[in-house]
Amino acid sequence: MNKYRFYDRDVNVSRAVELLLVLPFDLQSIIADGIAFIAEQEFRANELLRELKSLGTEKVLAVYKSKQRKRDYDKNPAMHKAINYLMVLSDDNRLWMAKKIVGLVAHLKEYLQTCRLYSMSPTQQGVGSLTRAYTHQGAEEVKLYLKAVEAEFIRQGLRKIHAVSAAAPLDEIILEQDIGLRIKIERSL
């Protein structure tokens, strides 16, 4: 593990960034935009990036290097922005953001499981709505959104699949062992 990366210094932050990095590109963009929104609202992260002098030499150098866009996630502008926001935050604020990221990804898992239970394909619009609910109103609003999604599936006359296979198809990846989040990588959402 490269301890020079800012996010590898704390296991919780590392876990959160890892969850973001294994998402498909389209989902990364949606989730990263939400994370950036939270960082801007809670910690004025955009102002921190503009005031480089106050960050300290290590963070200034890291921001400069990030502008070279050599890291894989730099190819996605939303991820680049979100990761840079995480980097400029204080350790305590970064840990708080990591918990928000893990929470958002856990709700994403619930959305994907609901879609799978009703044999429906998840949509970018659905992921976007879930992300906005989480970033603007919080976890309780996401629960209401997920109930509304399930109610819509029922309204459409869909029925739950009683037994979902425990074996993951080969075209799915498991994002994290303890969360068990799976995302199709063959098709776009």
Protein backbone atom coordinates (compact mmCIF):
# COMPACT_ATOMS: atom_id res chain seq x y z
CA MET A 1 0.00 0.00 0.00
CA ASN A 2 1.40 3.39 -1.01
CA LYS A 3 1.41 5.44 2.20
CA TYR A 4 2.29 8.55 0.18
CA ARG A 5 -1.26 8.82 -1.08
CA PHE A 6 -3.22 11.01 1.29
CA TYR A 7 -6.16 8.63 1.41
CA ASP A 8 -4.09 5.60 2.43
CA ARG A 9 -3.11 7.21 5.73
CA ASP A 10 -6.49 6.38 7.26
CA VAL A 11 -8.19 3.03 6.71
CA ASN A 12 -11.67 4.62 6.58
CA VAL A 13 -10.70 7.19 3.97
CA SER A 14 -8.86 4.53 1.97
CA ARG A 15 -11.97 2.32 2.06
CA ALA A 16 -14.18 5.20 0.88
CA VAL A 17 -11.88 6.12 -2.01
CA GLU A 18 -11.58 2.46 -2.98
CA LEU A 19 -15.37 2.21 -3.16
CA LEU A 20 -15.44 5.21 -5.48
CA LEU A 21 -12.64 3.92 -7.69
CA VAL A 22 -14.26 0.57 -8.47
CA LEU A 23 -17.54 2.09 -9.63
CA PRO A 24 -18.13 2.20 -13.38
CA PHE A 25 -17.24 5.57 -14.98
CA ASP A 26 -20.84 6.81 -15.25
CA LEU A 27 -21.60 6.00 -11.64
CA GLN A 28 -18.31 7.53 -10.52
CA SER A 29 -19.33 10.81 -12.13
CA ILE A 30 -22.72 10.90 -10.44
CA ILE A 31 -21.45 9.90 -7.00
CA ALA A 32 -18.35 12.12 -7.25
CA ASP A 33 -20.51 15.13 -8.14
CA GLY A 34 -22.54 14.44 -5.01
CA ILE A 35 -19.42 14.11 -2.87
CA ALA A 36 -18.04 17.36 -4.28
CA PHE A 37 -21.36 19.08 -3.48
CA ILE A 38 -21.17 17.94 0.15
CA ALA A 39 -17.52 19.07 0.43
CA GLU A 40 -18.42 22.48 -0.99
CA GLN A 41 -21.44 22.91 1.27
CA GLU A 42 -19.90 21.64 4.49
CA PHE A 43 -16.26 22.72 4.18
CA ARG A 44 -16.01 25.29 1.37
CA ALA A 45 -13.60 22.92 -0.40
CA ASN A 46 -13.64 24.99 -3.59
CA GLU A 47 -12.36 27.99 -1.61
CA LEU A 48 -9.67 25.86 0.02
CA LEU A 49 -8.36 24.91 -3.43
CA ARG A 50 -8.27 28.56 -4.49
CA GLU A 51 -6.36 29.57 -1.33
CA LEU A 52 -3.40 27.25 -1.86
CA LYS A 53 -1.14 29.22 0.49
CA SER A 54 -3.19 28.17 3.50
CA LEU A 55 -2.97 24.45 2.69
CA GLY A 56 0.70 23.82 3.41
CA THR A 57 3.47 22.65 1.10
CA GLU A 58 2.50 18.99 0.97
CA LYS A 59 -1.06 19.70 -0.16
CA VAL A 60 0.02 22.42 -2.60
CA LEU A 61 2.46 19.98 -4.23
CA ALA A 62 -0.24 17.31 -4.39
CA VAL A 63 -2.71 19.72 -6.04
CA TYR A 64 -0.02 20.72 -8.55
CA LYS A 65 0.73 17.07 -9.36
CA SER A 66 -2.99 16.32 -9.72
CA LYS A 67 -3.20 18.92 -12.50
CA GLN A 68 -0.92 16.66 -14.57
CA ARG A 69 -3.79 14.12 -14.57
CA LYS A 70 -1.57 11.04 -14.43
CA ARG A 71 -3.77 9.06 -12.03
CA ASP A 72 -6.49 6.82 -13.47
CA TYR A 73 -9.29 8.68 -11.74
CA ASP A 74 -8.06 12.00 -13.14
CA LYS A 75 -9.54 10.99 -16.50
CA ASN A 76 -12.97 11.52 -14.95
CA PRO A 77 -13.35 15.27 -14.21
CA ALA A 78 -15.92 14.67 -11.45
CA MET A 79 -13.66 12.15 -9.69
CA HIS A 80 -10.65 14.42 -10.11
CA LYS A 81 -12.55 17.23 -8.40
CA ALA A 82 -13.96 15.05 -5.60
CA ILE A 83 -10.61 13.44 -4.79
CA ASN A 84 -8.87 16.84 -4.77
CA TYR A 85 -11.56 18.15 -2.43
CA LEU A 86 -10.94 15.20 -0.11
CA MET A 87 -7.21 15.88 -0.24
CA VAL A 88 -7.45 19.53 0.84
CA LEU A 89 -9.71 18.84 3.82
CA SER A 90 -8.38 18.48 7.33
CA ASP A 91 -7.96 14.95 8.65
CA ASP A 92 -11.14 15.17 10.74
CA ASN A 93 -13.19 16.58 7.88
CA ARG A 94 -11.78 13.97 5.48
CA LEU A 95 -12.83 11.22 7.88
CA TRP A 96 -16.34 12.73 8.10
CA MET A 97 -16.49 12.81 4.29
CA ALA A 98 -15.31 9.20 4.10
CA LYS A 99 -18.25 8.17 6.27
CA LYS A 100 -20.57 10.11 3.94
CA ILE A 101 -19.11 8.32 0.92
CA VAL A 102 -19.55 4.89 2.50
CA GLY A 103 -23.12 5.83 3.47
CA LEU A 104 -23.93 6.96 -0.07
CA VAL A 105 -22.48 3.79 -1.58
CA ALA A 106 -24.47 1.69 0.92
CA HIS A 107 -27.66 3.42 -0.25
CA LEU A 108 -26.60 2.83 -3.85
CA LYS A 109 -26.37 -0.85 -2.96
CA GLU A 110 -29.94 -0.77 -1.61
CA TYR A 111 -31.14 0.84 -4.85
CA LEU A 112 -29.37 -1.77 -6.97
CA GLN A 113 -30.75 -4.59 -4.81
CA THR A 114 -34.29 -3.21 -5.13
CA CYS A 115 -33.91 -3.06 -8.90
CA ARG A 116 -32.59 -6.60 -8.97
CA LEU A 117 -35.40 -7.90 -6.73
CA TYR A 118 -37.93 -6.59 -9.25
CA SER A 119 -35.87 -7.60 -12.31
CA MET A 120 -35.50 -3.96 -13.36
CA SER A 121 -32.37 -2.33 -14.69
CA PRO A 122 -30.97 0.50 -12.59
CA THR A 123 -30.81 3.84 -14.39
CA GLN A 124 -28.44 6.78 -14.28
CA GLN A 125 -31.47 8.93 -13.50
CA GLY A 126 -32.28 6.70 -10.51
CA VAL A 127 -28.70 6.87 -9.23
CA GLY A 128 -28.72 10.64 -9.74
CA SER A 129 -31.99 11.03 -7.83
CA LEU A 130 -30.68 8.89 -4.99
CA THR A 131 -27.44 10.90 -4.85
CA ARG A 132 -29.29 14.23 -4.82
CA ALA A 133 -31.61 13.00 -2.07
CA TYR A 134 -28.60 11.96 0.02
CA THR A 135 -26.51 15.06 -0.59
CA HIS A 136 -29.31 17.61 -0.25
CA GLN A 137 -31.59 16.10 2.41
CA GLY A 138 -29.78 13.16 4.00
CA ALA A 139 -30.24 9.46 4.65
CA GLU A 140 -33.88 9.71 5.72
CA GLU A 141 -34.80 11.22 2.35
CA VAL A 142 -32.99 8.37 0.59
CA LYS A 143 -35.09 5.86 2.51
CA LEU A 144 -38.23 7.65 1.29
CA TYR A 145 -36.84 7.65 -2.25
CA LEU A 146 -36.13 3.92 -2.12
CA LYS A 147 -39.65 3.25 -0.85
CA ALA A 148 -40.99 5.34 -3.75
CA VAL A 149 -38.92 3.32 -6.24
CA GLU A 150 -40.27 0.07 -4.83
CA ALA A 151 -43.83 1.46 -4.85
CA GLU A 152 -43.40 2.41 -8.51
CA PHE A 153 -42.25 -1.10 -9.36
CA ILE A 154 -45.31 -2.50 -7.58
CA ARG A 155 -47.56 0.02 -9.36
CA GLN A 156 -46.16 -1.26 -12.65
CA GLY A 157 -47.33 -4.72 -11.64
CA LEU A 158 -43.87 -6.12 -11.00
CA ARG A 159 -43.34 -8.82 -8.41
CA LYS A 160 -40.37 -9.51 -6.22
CA ILE A 161 -38.16 -12.40 -7.13
CA HIS A 162 -38.41 -14.72 -4.14
CA ALA A 163 -34.92 -16.16 -4.26
CA VAL A 164 -32.02 -14.16 -5.60
CA SER A 165 -29.10 -16.34 -6.54
CA ALA A 166 -26.22 -16.07 -4.10
CA ALA A 167 -23.68 -16.68 -6.88
CA ALA A 168 -22.63 -13.53 -8.72
CA PRO A 169 -22.67 -13.68 -12.50
CA LEU A 170 -19.25 -13.34 -14.09
CA ASP A 171 -20.04 -9.90 -15.48
CA GLU A 172 -20.44 -8.43 -11.99
CA ILE A 173 -17.78 -7.23 -9.65
CA ILE A 174 -17.99 -7.07 -5.89
CA LEU A 175 -17.04 -3.61 -4.73
CA GLU A 176 -16.39 -4.53 -1.15
CA GLN A 177 -16.57 -7.76 0.81
CA ASP A 178 -18.62 -6.57 3.76
CA ILE A 179 -21.02 -4.42 1.74
CA GLY A 180 -21.42 -6.98 -1.04
CA LEU A 181 -22.24 -4.31 -3.62
CA ARG A 182 -22.39 -5.60 -7.16
CA ILE A 183 -22.53 -3.56 -10.33
CA LYS A 184 -22.97 -4.81 -13.87
CA ILE A 185 -19.94 -3.87 -15.92
CA GLU A 186 -21.17 -5.11 -19.30
CA ARG A 187 -23.95 -2.61 -19.83
CA SER A 188 -24.30 1.02 -19.02
CA LEU A 189 -26.87 2.07 -16.48
